[in-house]
């Protein structure tokens, strides 16, 4: 290995070790939860997992600490993000596996990746009797993943780094709320913490209204909010949101996961007094249009087949799933197999499209993102207008996203490239499912869910499914959440270093 290659490896290893050590320290939250709830075995599990993770991550960070001031290039910065998520998954799965709630270490890794990517599919055994400590870890991982574990590190662990923006972009975010990317990361976490207090209080009250004892209502309110805000889909009970049988609970969760799917830059603008941004922003306009169109399509299919007899049932069982899918949340008020046996092709088509379209860029949501969809539609409309205009006429299209900008070819190419990558990944995952004997409609639905980081399930995802398909879904979640570029950059870096050797 050349000095230059070794220096690059060292520059990447230090921040990765620091992020992993930070994830180990965060395991003290479920550890304390387990102690308070008297779950002594689970407390020991998290003590073991936390100690192991801190020691390994800290050792790597200390070993390469002298390289912490080295400037990171784009490939190194993005490699830091990809590797932090990969090794973070391996270490965060330790307490899962040691708790005895998983049939294999692969299943534990699957659930960690599902949580960090805010997907919400799960392979855990006997969820209804899982300890409070493990449930706290499940939902904390989802909440961390929604904001981004590298964003967390930038906000609280790094005092400053020359590769901060590259690492930030590698996590699927590219908008600065403030001129400094570290301050942007802190602003994202401040916004999330403010909503955490408000959302937990609201869902605590909704839980009490639904009939839960105050103590359980608080924990369920906290966990459900973490999943709702992060558009994650995890829930403490196997029936998901159906468990509560409460319209108040359903409406409250819908409000928070809808807000959670909005761009952090939009939140920052609104909280700064720019409330008109809600109706002017290209993302919110695009999202509103696609929600309305897909709701009409899904409702037409459900009403045609007589699935739900009245408007209230249509809202609670139909629209709730659609908006949950469109925001890539994955909360469910129906059983998984009902999608396949009751919904019909038209409603399923609308839901699959909704899951792939997703929420907003630089948010906790997954999918294509409304901004990219809006840019592609605007560029298509521009090219159509050009066909009927004189050749000498220059057509300038402006879009409004926090501020007015000119729609240029670079933005269009970038949007189309990512959307193409999502479609190709969705197609590959669907094909993989079919190769394992899953019918096309079921495979496409589950693949849309993992590609869009949604978490709705038609019944395919289970501990009994083949290990090969688990790996396909795990990698798909990882690729889609980081929007491909950081993992491709990691692959390119490894390939380049291998050739130099």
Protein backbone atom coordinates (compact mmCIF):
# COMPACT_ATOMS: atom_id res chain seq x y z
CA UNK A 1 0.00 0.00 0.00
CA UNK A 2 1.45 3.39 -0.98
CA UNK A 3 1.77 6.23 1.53
CA UNK A 4 -0.87 8.15 -0.34
CA UNK A 5 -3.31 5.23 -0.22
CA UNK A 6 -2.51 4.59 3.43
CA UNK A 7 -3.06 8.26 4.22
CA UNK A 8 -6.47 8.19 2.57
CA UNK A 9 -7.40 5.06 4.50
CA UNK A 10 -6.32 6.68 7.77
CA UNK A 11 -8.27 9.85 7.01
CA UNK A 12 -11.42 7.76 6.44
CA UNK A 13 -10.83 5.42 9.40
CA UNK A 14 -10.72 8.16 12.05
CA UNK A 15 -14.23 9.61 11.52
CA UNK A 16 -15.70 6.11 10.98
CA UNK A 17 -14.27 5.01 14.32
CA UNK A 18 -15.64 8.13 15.99
CA UNK A 19 -19.14 7.54 14.58
CA UNK A 20 -19.10 3.89 15.69
CA UNK A 21 -17.96 4.88 19.19
CA UNK A 22 -20.77 7.44 19.32
CA UNK A 23 -23.30 4.74 18.46
CA UNK A 24 -21.89 2.70 21.32
CA UNK A 25 -22.41 5.59 23.73
CA UNK A 26 -26.02 5.93 22.58
CA UNK A 27 -26.68 2.36 23.74
CA UNK A 28 -26.71 3.77 27.26
CA UNK A 29 -30.18 5.14 26.57
CA UNK A 30 -31.80 1.67 26.19
CA UNK A 31 -29.48 0.44 28.96
CA UNK A 32 -30.89 3.01 31.39
CA UNK A 33 -34.40 2.22 30.14
CA UNK A 34 -33.85 -1.45 30.93
CA UNK A 35 -32.54 -0.61 34.41
CA UNK A 36 -35.53 1.62 35.18
CA UNK A 37 -37.92 -1.11 34.00
CA UNK A 38 -36.11 -3.80 35.97
CA UNK A 39 -34.93 -5.70 32.88
CA UNK A 40 -31.59 -6.83 34.31
CA UNK A 41 -30.65 -9.30 31.59
CA UNK A 42 -31.38 -6.76 28.86
CA UNK A 43 -29.38 -4.13 30.76
CA UNK A 44 -26.41 -6.51 30.72
CA UNK A 45 -26.93 -7.08 27.00
CA UNK A 46 -26.70 -3.35 26.29
CA UNK A 47 -23.76 -2.94 28.64
CA UNK A 48 -21.93 -5.62 26.67
CA UNK A 49 -22.94 -4.16 23.31
CA UNK A 50 -22.09 -0.61 24.34
CA UNK A 51 -18.69 -1.54 25.79
CA UNK A 52 -17.72 -3.58 22.74
CA UNK A 53 -18.80 -0.86 20.31
CA UNK A 54 -17.10 1.98 22.20
CA UNK A 55 -13.86 0.00 22.60
CA UNK A 56 -13.67 -1.00 18.93
CA UNK A 57 -14.74 2.36 17.53
CA UNK A 58 -12.63 4.29 20.02
CA UNK A 59 -9.56 2.16 19.31
CA UNK A 60 -9.83 2.87 15.58
CA UNK A 61 -10.38 6.60 16.18
CA UNK A 62 -7.39 6.79 18.57
CA UNK A 63 -5.16 4.80 16.24
CA UNK A 64 -5.75 7.27 13.42
CA UNK A 65 -6.35 10.44 15.45
CA UNK A 66 -3.23 12.12 14.04
CA UNK A 67 -4.93 12.16 10.62
CA UNK A 68 -8.09 13.94 11.80
CA UNK A 69 -7.08 17.26 10.25
CA UNK A 70 -6.51 15.77 6.81
CA UNK A 71 -8.72 17.19 4.07
CA UNK A 72 -11.18 14.65 2.67
CA UNK A 73 -11.95 14.55 -1.03
CA UNK A 74 -15.39 13.73 -2.38
CA UNK A 75 -14.72 9.99 -2.61
CA UNK A 76 -13.22 9.84 0.90
CA UNK A 77 -16.00 11.93 2.46
CA UNK A 78 -18.69 9.76 0.94
CA UNK A 79 -16.78 6.60 1.86
CA UNK A 80 -16.85 7.75 5.49
CA UNK A 81 -20.65 7.86 5.34
CA UNK A 82 -21.05 4.49 3.62
CA UNK A 83 -18.61 2.76 5.99
CA UNK A 84 -20.12 4.41 9.08
CA UNK A 85 -23.51 2.98 8.16
CA UNK A 86 -22.08 -0.47 7.39
CA UNK A 87 -19.98 -0.86 10.55
CA UNK A 88 -22.64 0.93 12.57
CA UNK A 89 -25.07 -1.77 11.46
CA UNK A 90 -22.73 -4.57 12.50
CA UNK A 91 -22.15 -3.17 15.99
CA UNK A 92 -25.69 -1.94 16.62
CA UNK A 93 -26.92 -5.47 15.88
CA UNK A 94 -24.98 -6.89 18.84
CA UNK A 95 -27.59 -6.11 21.52
CA UNK A 96 -30.37 -7.27 19.19
CA UNK A 97 -28.70 -10.65 18.71
CA UNK A 98 -27.67 -11.05 22.36
CA UNK A 99 -31.23 -10.28 23.50
CA UNK A 100 -32.40 -13.57 21.96
CA UNK A 101 -35.10 -11.93 19.84
CA UNK A 102 -33.61 -12.95 16.47
CA UNK A 103 -33.02 -16.28 14.78
CA UNK A 104 -29.66 -15.19 13.34
CA UNK A 105 -27.14 -12.37 13.34
CA UNK A 106 -28.21 -11.59 9.76
CA UNK A 107 -31.77 -11.01 10.97
CA UNK A 108 -30.44 -8.64 13.64
CA UNK A 109 -28.40 -6.73 11.02
CA UNK A 110 -31.47 -6.58 8.77
CA UNK A 111 -33.50 -4.90 11.51
CA UNK A 112 -30.72 -2.42 12.31
CA UNK A 113 -30.45 -1.43 8.65
CA UNK A 114 -34.23 -1.27 8.42
CA UNK A 115 -34.25 1.05 11.43
CA UNK A 116 -31.35 3.29 10.38
CA UNK A 117 -32.75 3.65 6.85
CA UNK A 118 -36.19 4.43 8.37
CA UNK A 119 -37.70 1.52 6.44
CA UNK A 120 -39.53 -0.24 9.25
CA UNK A 121 -39.63 -3.84 8.02
CA UNK A 122 -38.75 -6.23 10.83
CA UNK A 123 -37.67 -9.82 11.42
CA UNK A 124 -37.90 -9.70 15.22
CA UNK A 125 -39.51 -12.63 17.04
CA UNK A 126 -42.53 -12.21 19.36
CA UNK A 127 -42.65 -8.41 19.08
CA UNK A 128 -45.62 -8.13 21.44
CA UNK A 129 -43.45 -9.34 24.33
CA UNK A 130 -40.19 -7.57 23.52
CA UNK A 131 -38.53 -5.75 26.43
CA UNK A 132 -38.77 -1.99 26.82
CA UNK A 133 -34.99 -1.72 26.53
CA UNK A 134 -34.96 -3.39 23.11
CA UNK A 135 -37.99 -1.40 21.97
CA UNK A 136 -36.22 1.81 23.00
CA UNK A 137 -33.20 0.79 20.90
CA UNK A 138 -35.39 -0.11 17.91
CA UNK A 139 -37.08 3.28 17.85
CA UNK A 140 -33.98 5.25 18.78
CA UNK A 141 -32.17 3.76 15.77
CA UNK A 142 -35.06 4.81 13.54
CA UNK A 143 -34.99 8.33 14.93
CA UNK A 144 -31.21 8.58 14.55
CA UNK A 145 -31.37 7.24 11.01
CA UNK A 146 -34.03 9.75 10.01
CA UNK A 147 -31.80 12.69 10.83
CA UNK A 148 -28.69 10.75 9.86
CA UNK A 149 -25.99 9.21 12.04
CA UNK A 150 -23.29 11.25 10.29
CA UNK A 151 -25.40 14.38 10.75
CA UNK A 152 -25.50 13.47 14.46
CA UNK A 153 -21.71 13.09 14.50
CA UNK A 154 -21.22 16.42 12.73
CA UNK A 155 -23.53 18.10 15.24
CA UNK A 156 -22.05 16.69 18.45
CA UNK A 157 -18.80 14.78 17.88
CA UNK A 158 -16.77 16.69 15.30
CA UNK A 159 -15.48 20.12 16.24
CA UNK A 160 -14.79 20.74 12.59
CA UNK A 161 -13.52 18.82 9.60
CA UNK A 162 -12.44 19.67 6.10
CA UNK A 163 -14.66 16.92 4.71
CA UNK A 164 -17.85 17.80 6.58
CA UNK A 165 -19.90 18.76 3.55
CA UNK A 166 -18.83 15.66 1.61
CA UNK A 167 -19.92 13.43 4.51
CA UNK A 168 -23.19 15.37 4.79
CA UNK A 169 -23.98 14.96 1.09
CA UNK A 170 -23.09 11.28 1.32
CA UNK A 171 -26.05 10.80 3.67
CA UNK A 172 -28.54 11.91 1.02
CA UNK A 173 -28.66 15.58 2.03
CA UNK A 174 -27.31 18.56 0.16
CA UNK A 175 -29.07 21.64 1.50
CA UNK A 176 -27.48 24.00 3.99
CA UNK A 177 -29.82 25.61 6.50
CA UNK A 178 -26.92 27.85 7.52
CA UNK A 179 -23.67 28.71 5.69
CA UNK A 180 -21.73 26.27 7.89
CA UNK A 181 -22.54 22.56 7.43
CA UNK A 182 -21.81 21.72 11.08
CA UNK A 183 -24.28 24.40 12.17
CA UNK A 184 -26.71 23.00 9.61
CA UNK A 185 -26.41 19.58 11.25
CA UNK A 186 -27.04 21.14 14.66
CA UNK A 187 -30.07 23.02 13.32
CA UNK A 188 -31.52 19.75 11.99
CA UNK A 189 -31.17 18.17 15.42
CA UNK A 190 -32.58 21.20 17.21
CA UNK A 191 -35.66 21.09 14.96
CA UNK A 192 -36.03 17.37 15.61
CA UNK A 193 -35.66 17.74 19.38
CA UNK A 194 -38.30 20.47 19.50
CA UNK A 195 -40.73 18.27 17.59
CA UNK A 196 -39.79 15.33 19.84
CA UNK A 197 -41.15 17.15 22.88
CA UNK A 198 -44.32 18.31 21.15
CA UNK A 199 -44.97 15.01 19.37
CA UNK A 200 -44.39 12.81 22.40
CA UNK A 201 -46.80 14.92 24.47
CA UNK A 202 -49.47 14.76 21.75
CA UNK A 203 -49.17 11.00 21.27
CA UNK A 204 -49.00 10.44 25.02
CA UNK A 205 -52.40 12.09 25.26
CA UNK A 206 -53.67 10.14 22.24
CA UNK A 207 -52.49 6.91 23.88
CA UNK A 208 -54.39 7.70 27.06
CA UNK A 209 -57.50 8.44 24.98
CA UNK A 210 -56.98 5.07 23.28
CA UNK A 211 -57.07 3.37 26.69
CA UNK A 212 -53.40 2.82 27.58
CA UNK A 213 -52.22 3.31 31.19
CA UNK A 214 -50.31 6.62 31.56
CA UNK A 215 -46.89 4.96 31.87
CA UNK A 216 -47.35 2.76 28.82
CA UNK A 217 -48.99 5.62 26.94
CA UNK A 218 -45.87 7.73 27.48
CA UNK A 219 -43.49 5.07 26.19
CA UNK A 220 -45.72 4.23 23.23
CA UNK A 221 -46.14 7.94 22.49
CA UNK A 222 -42.35 8.46 22.54
CA UNK A 223 -41.63 5.43 20.37
CA UNK A 224 -44.40 6.04 17.87
CA UNK A 225 -43.39 9.68 17.52
CA UNK A 226 -39.77 8.70 16.85
CA UNK A 227 -40.97 6.39 14.08
CA UNK A 228 -43.53 8.88 12.72
CA UNK A 229 -41.17 11.86 12.59
CA UNK A 230 -38.47 9.73 11.00
CA UNK A 231 -41.04 8.17 8.61
CA UNK A 232 -39.78 4.86 9.97
CA UNK A 233 -42.78 2.62 10.53
CA UNK A 234 -41.54 0.69 13.56
CA UNK A 235 -44.11 0.17 16.32
CA UNK A 236 -43.92 -1.58 19.71
CA UNK A 237 -46.75 -4.01 18.84
CA UNK A 238 -47.04 -6.51 15.98
CA UNK A 239 -50.37 -5.02 14.82
CA UNK A 240 -48.62 -1.70 14.28
CA UNK A 241 -51.04 1.27 14.48
CA UNK A 242 -54.03 -1.07 14.16
CA UNK A 243 -53.27 -2.16 17.75
CA UNK A 244 -54.63 1.13 19.15
CA UNK A 245 -57.99 1.03 17.32
CA UNK A 246 -58.16 4.81 17.71
CA UNK A 247 -59.06 7.42 15.11
CA UNK A 248 -57.41 10.08 17.30
CA UNK A 249 -54.17 8.10 17.33
CA UNK A 250 -54.29 7.58 13.57
CA UNK A 251 -54.91 11.25 12.78
CA UNK A 252 -52.19 12.37 15.19
CA UNK A 253 -49.60 10.01 13.71
CA UNK A 254 -50.59 11.07 10.18
CA UNK A 255 -49.96 14.72 11.06
CA UNK A 256 -46.49 13.99 12.38
CA UNK A 257 -45.29 11.66 9.65
CA UNK A 258 -46.59 14.11 7.05
CA UNK A 259 -44.61 16.91 8.72
CA UNK A 260 -41.61 14.59 9.09
CA UNK A 261 -41.56 13.96 5.33
CA UNK A 262 -41.01 17.68 4.61
CA UNK A 263 -37.61 19.11 3.76
CA UNK A 264 -35.60 20.34 6.78
CA UNK A 265 -34.94 23.53 4.82
CA UNK A 266 -38.72 24.03 4.63
CA UNK A 267 -39.02 23.51 8.39
CA UNK A 268 -36.22 26.01 8.95
CA UNK A 269 -37.84 28.56 6.64
CA UNK A 270 -41.28 28.19 8.25
CA UNK A 271 -39.86 28.38 11.78
CA UNK A 272 -37.96 31.50 10.66
CA UNK A 273 -41.26 33.15 9.70
CA UNK A 274 -41.45 32.33 5.98
CA UNK A 275 -44.81 30.55 6.16
CA UNK A 276 -45.66 31.28 2.52
CA UNK A 277 -42.94 28.78 1.62
CA UNK A 278 -45.42 25.97 2.30
CA UNK A 279 -47.61 26.88 -0.68
CA UNK A 280 -44.86 28.23 -2.98
CA UNK A 281 -42.28 25.47 -2.66
CA UNK A 282 -41.96 23.16 -5.70
CA UNK A 283 -41.75 20.12 -3.41
CA UNK A 284 -44.94 20.79 -1.48
CA UNK A 285 -46.82 21.61 -4.71
CA UNK A 286 -45.58 18.43 -6.41
CA UNK A 287 -46.28 16.30 -3.34
CA UNK A 288 -49.81 17.70 -3.01
CA UNK A 289 -50.61 16.95 -6.65
CA UNK A 290 -49.31 13.37 -6.51
CA UNK A 291 -51.16 12.70 -3.23
CA UNK A 292 -54.45 13.91 -4.72
CA UNK A 293 -54.05 11.95 -7.96
CA UNK A 294 -52.99 8.72 -6.26
CA UNK A 295 -55.72 9.05 -3.62
CA UNK A 296 -58.31 9.29 -6.38
CA UNK A 297 -56.86 6.25 -8.15
CA UNK A 298 -56.66 4.16 -4.97
CA UNK A 299 -60.14 5.23 -3.84
CA UNK A 300 -61.60 4.36 -7.25
CA UNK A 301 -60.12 0.88 -7.02
CA UNK A 302 -61.22 0.29 -3.41
CA UNK A 303 -64.75 1.62 -4.06
CA UNK A 304 -65.10 -0.36 -7.29
CA UNK A 305 -64.30 -3.57 -5.45
CA UNK A 306 -66.39 -2.63 -2.41
CA UNK A 307 -63.46 -3.11 -0.04
CA UNK A 308 -64.48 -0.43 2.46
CA UNK A 309 -68.17 0.41 2.89
CA UNK A 310 -68.09 4.05 4.01
CA UNK A 311 -66.00 7.23 4.00
CA UNK A 312 -64.60 6.73 7.51
CA UNK A 313 -63.40 3.21 6.70
CA UNK A 314 -62.00 4.43 3.38
CA UNK A 315 -60.02 7.12 5.24
CA UNK A 316 -58.76 4.88 8.04
CA UNK A 317 -57.94 1.83 5.91
CA UNK A 318 -57.38 3.31 2.46
CA UNK A 319 -56.09 6.88 2.62
CA UNK A 320 -54.05 6.21 5.77
CA UNK A 321 -52.06 3.46 4.03
CA UNK A 322 -51.61 5.61 0.92
CA UNK A 323 -50.29 8.67 2.77
CA UNK A 324 -48.19 6.39 4.98
CA UNK A 325 -46.69 4.88 1.84
CA UNK A 326 -46.25 8.22 0.06
CA UNK A 327 -44.38 9.73 3.01
CA UNK A 328 -42.43 6.43 3.20
CA UNK A 329 -43.50 5.94 6.81
CA UNK A 330 -44.91 2.42 6.70
CA UNK A 331 -47.43 2.65 9.53
CA UNK A 332 -50.30 0.22 8.93
CA UNK A 333 -53.91 -0.04 10.06
CA UNK A 334 -54.55 -3.23 8.08
CA UNK A 335 -52.95 -6.69 8.12
CA UNK A 336 -50.21 -7.30 5.56
CA UNK A 337 -52.05 -10.00 3.60
CA UNK A 338 -55.10 -7.73 3.18
CA UNK A 339 -53.19 -5.75 0.57
CA UNK A 340 -52.91 -8.79 -1.68
CA UNK A 341 -56.26 -10.43 -0.98
CA UNK A 342 -58.54 -7.36 -0.74
CA UNK A 343 -57.10 -4.25 -2.33
CA UNK A 344 -57.15 -5.19 -5.99
CA UNK A 345 -54.73 -4.26 -8.77
CA UNK A 346 -55.73 -0.59 -9.16
CA UNK A 347 -55.30 0.34 -5.49
CA UNK A 348 -52.09 -1.69 -5.22
CA UNK A 349 -50.72 0.10 -8.29
CA UNK A 350 -51.41 3.49 -6.68
CA UNK A 351 -49.72 2.41 -3.45
CA UNK A 352 -46.63 1.05 -5.22
CA UNK A 353 -46.25 4.31 -7.16
CA UNK A 354 -46.72 6.32 -3.95
CA UNK A 355 -44.00 4.33 -2.17
CA UNK A 356 -41.55 4.91 -5.02
CA UNK A 357 -42.30 8.65 -5.31
CA UNK A 358 -41.69 9.23 -1.60
CA UNK A 359 -41.46 12.51 0.31
CA UNK A 360 -39.11 15.49 0.20
CA UNK A 361 -35.38 15.78 -0.36
CA UNK A 362 -33.25 16.52 2.72
CA UNK A 363 -35.94 15.04 4.96
CA UNK A 364 -36.39 11.78 6.84
CA UNK A 365 -38.37 10.33 3.90
CA UNK A 366 -37.17 8.04 1.12
CA UNK A 367 -38.19 7.47 -2.49
CA UNK A 368 -37.54 9.52 -5.63
CA UNK A 369 -38.33 12.73 -3.69
CA UNK A 370 -40.89 15.34 -4.74
CA UNK A 371 -38.20 17.85 -5.73
CA UNK A 372 -36.76 15.52 -8.37
CA UNK A 373 -40.23 14.63 -9.66
CA UNK A 374 -41.08 18.33 -9.91
CA UNK A 375 -37.82 19.11 -11.73
CA UNK A 376 -38.38 16.32 -14.26
CA UNK A 377 -41.98 17.40 -14.92
CA UNK A 378 -40.90 21.05 -15.29
CA UNK A 379 -38.12 20.09 -17.72
CA UNK A 380 -40.53 17.97 -19.75
CA UNK A 381 -43.01 20.87 -19.95
CA UNK A 382 -40.17 23.19 -20.98
CA UNK A 383 -39.11 20.89 -23.81
CA UNK A 384 -42.70 20.55 -25.02
CA UNK A 385 -43.02 24.36 -25.17
CA UNK A 386 -39.77 24.55 -27.13
CA UNK A 387 -41.26 22.38 -29.88
CA UNK A 388 -43.80 25.07 -30.78
CA UNK A 389 -41.50 28.05 -30.28
CA UNK A 390 -39.16 29.73 -32.81
CA UNK A 391 -35.66 28.24 -32.85
CA UNK A 392 -34.13 31.58 -31.85
CA UNK A 393 -36.30 31.83 -28.74
CA UNK A 394 -34.55 31.16 -25.43
CA UNK A 395 -36.80 29.45 -22.88
CA UNK A 396 -35.91 30.09 -19.23
CA UNK A 397 -37.75 28.15 -16.53
CA UNK A 398 -37.50 29.15 -12.90
CA UNK A 399 -38.45 27.01 -9.93
CA UNK A 400 -39.01 27.97 -6.32
CA UNK A 401 -37.42 25.80 -3.67
CA UNK A 402 -36.73 27.96 -0.60
CA UNK A 403 -35.53 30.54 -3.12
CA UNK A 404 -36.03 31.17 -6.84
CA UNK A 405 -33.51 29.39 -9.05
CA UNK A 406 -33.16 28.78 -12.77
CA UNK A 407 -33.81 25.23 -13.95
CA UNK A 408 -30.57 24.19 -15.61
CA UNK A 409 -29.44 21.05 -17.40
CA UNK A 410 -27.20 19.96 -14.52
CA UNK A 411 -30.16 19.87 -12.11
CA UNK A 412 -32.26 17.94 -14.61
CA UNK A 413 -29.50 15.39 -15.26
CA UNK A 414 -28.93 14.93 -11.53
CA UNK A 415 -32.62 14.38 -10.85
CA UNK A 416 -33.02 11.92 -13.72
CA UNK A 417 -29.87 10.01 -12.74
CA UNK A 418 -31.08 9.36 -9.19
CA UNK A 419 -34.62 8.49 -10.32
CA UNK A 420 -33.17 6.06 -12.88
CA UNK A 421 -31.03 4.48 -10.13
CA UNK A 422 -34.14 4.02 -7.96
CA UNK A 423 -36.06 2.42 -10.85
CA UNK A 424 -33.16 0.10 -11.69
CA UNK A 425 -32.79 -0.92 -8.02
CA UNK A 426 -36.53 -1.50 -7.68
CA UNK A 427 -36.52 -3.63 -10.82
CA UNK A 428 -33.54 -5.69 -9.62
CA UNK A 429 -35.12 -6.30 -6.19
CA UNK A 430 -38.42 -7.28 -7.84
CA UNK A 431 -36.59 -9.73 -10.11
CA UNK A 432 -34.73 -11.18 -7.11
CA UNK A 433 -38.00 -11.81 -5.32
CA UNK A 434 -39.45 -13.53 -8.37
CA UNK A 435 -36.34 -15.73 -8.66
CA UNK A 436 -37.10 -16.90 -5.13
CA UNK A 437 -40.61 -17.87 -6.23
CA UNK A 438 -42.58 -14.82 -5.07
CA UNK A 439 -45.44 -13.79 -7.45
CA UNK A 440 -44.84 -10.58 -9.39
CA UNK A 441 -47.41 -8.37 -7.61
CA UNK A 442 -46.14 -9.34 -4.15
CA UNK A 443 -42.50 -9.03 -5.16
CA UNK A 444 -43.08 -5.60 -6.74
CA UNK A 445 -44.93 -4.35 -3.66
CA UNK A 446 -42.22 -5.49 -1.23
CA UNK A 447 -39.46 -4.21 -3.52
CA UNK A 448 -41.11 -0.80 -3.74
CA UNK A 449 -41.25 -0.76 0.04
CA UNK A 450 -37.55 -1.53 0.52
CA UNK A 451 -36.44 0.71 -2.36
CA UNK A 452 -38.51 3.64 -1.06
CA UNK A 453 -37.47 2.90 2.56
CA UNK A 454 -41.17 2.61 3.39
CA UNK A 455 -41.86 -0.46 5.54
CA UNK A 456 -45.34 -1.43 4.36
CA UNK A 457 -45.42 -5.18 3.80
CA UNK A 458 -47.60 -7.45 1.76
CA UNK A 459 -46.40 -10.42 3.82
CA UNK A 460 -43.13 -11.29 2.07
CA UNK A 461 -40.71 -9.98 4.72
CA UNK A 462 -40.43 -12.59 7.46
CA UNK A 463 -37.72 -14.41 9.37
CA UNK A 464 -38.51 -17.49 7.27
CA UNK A 465 -37.67 -15.89 3.92
CA UNK A 466 -34.41 -17.00 2.23
CA UNK A 467 -31.17 -15.47 3.51
CA UNK A 468 -30.30 -14.41 -0.03
CA UNK A 469 -33.45 -12.29 -0.27
CA UNK A 470 -32.76 -10.81 3.17
CA UNK A 471 -29.35 -9.68 1.89
CA UNK A 472 -30.90 -8.25 -1.30
CA UNK A 473 -33.40 -6.24 0.73
CA UNK A 474 -30.75 -5.14 3.24
CA UNK A 475 -28.43 -3.85 0.52
CA UNK A 476 -31.36 -2.22 -1.30
CA UNK A 477 -32.35 -0.32 1.86
CA UNK A 478 -28.74 0.81 2.35
CA UNK A 479 -28.29 1.91 -1.27
CA UNK A 480 -31.61 3.77 -1.43
CA UNK A 481 -31.30 5.57 1.91
CA UNK A 482 -27.85 6.94 1.02
CA UNK A 483 -29.09 7.63 -2.52
CA UNK A 484 -26.47 5.42 -4.15
CA UNK A 485 -23.66 7.95 -4.57
CA UNK A 486 -21.77 7.36 -1.30
CA UNK A 487 -21.80 3.58 -1.73
CA UNK A 488 -20.75 3.90 -5.38
CA UNK A 489 -17.98 6.26 -4.23
CA UNK A 490 -16.90 3.67 -1.65
CA UNK A 491 -16.81 0.97 -4.33
CA UNK A 492 -14.80 3.21 -6.65
CA UNK A 493 -12.35 4.05 -3.85
CA UNK A 494 -11.80 0.39 -2.97
CA UNK A 495 -11.35 -0.51 -6.63
CA UNK A 496 -8.88 2.32 -7.19
CA UNK A 497 -6.85 1.40 -4.10
CA UNK A 498 -6.86 -2.26 -5.14
CA UNK A 499 -5.40 -1.39 -8.54
CA UNK A 500 -2.66 0.73 -6.95
CA UNK A 501 -1.52 -2.23 -4.87
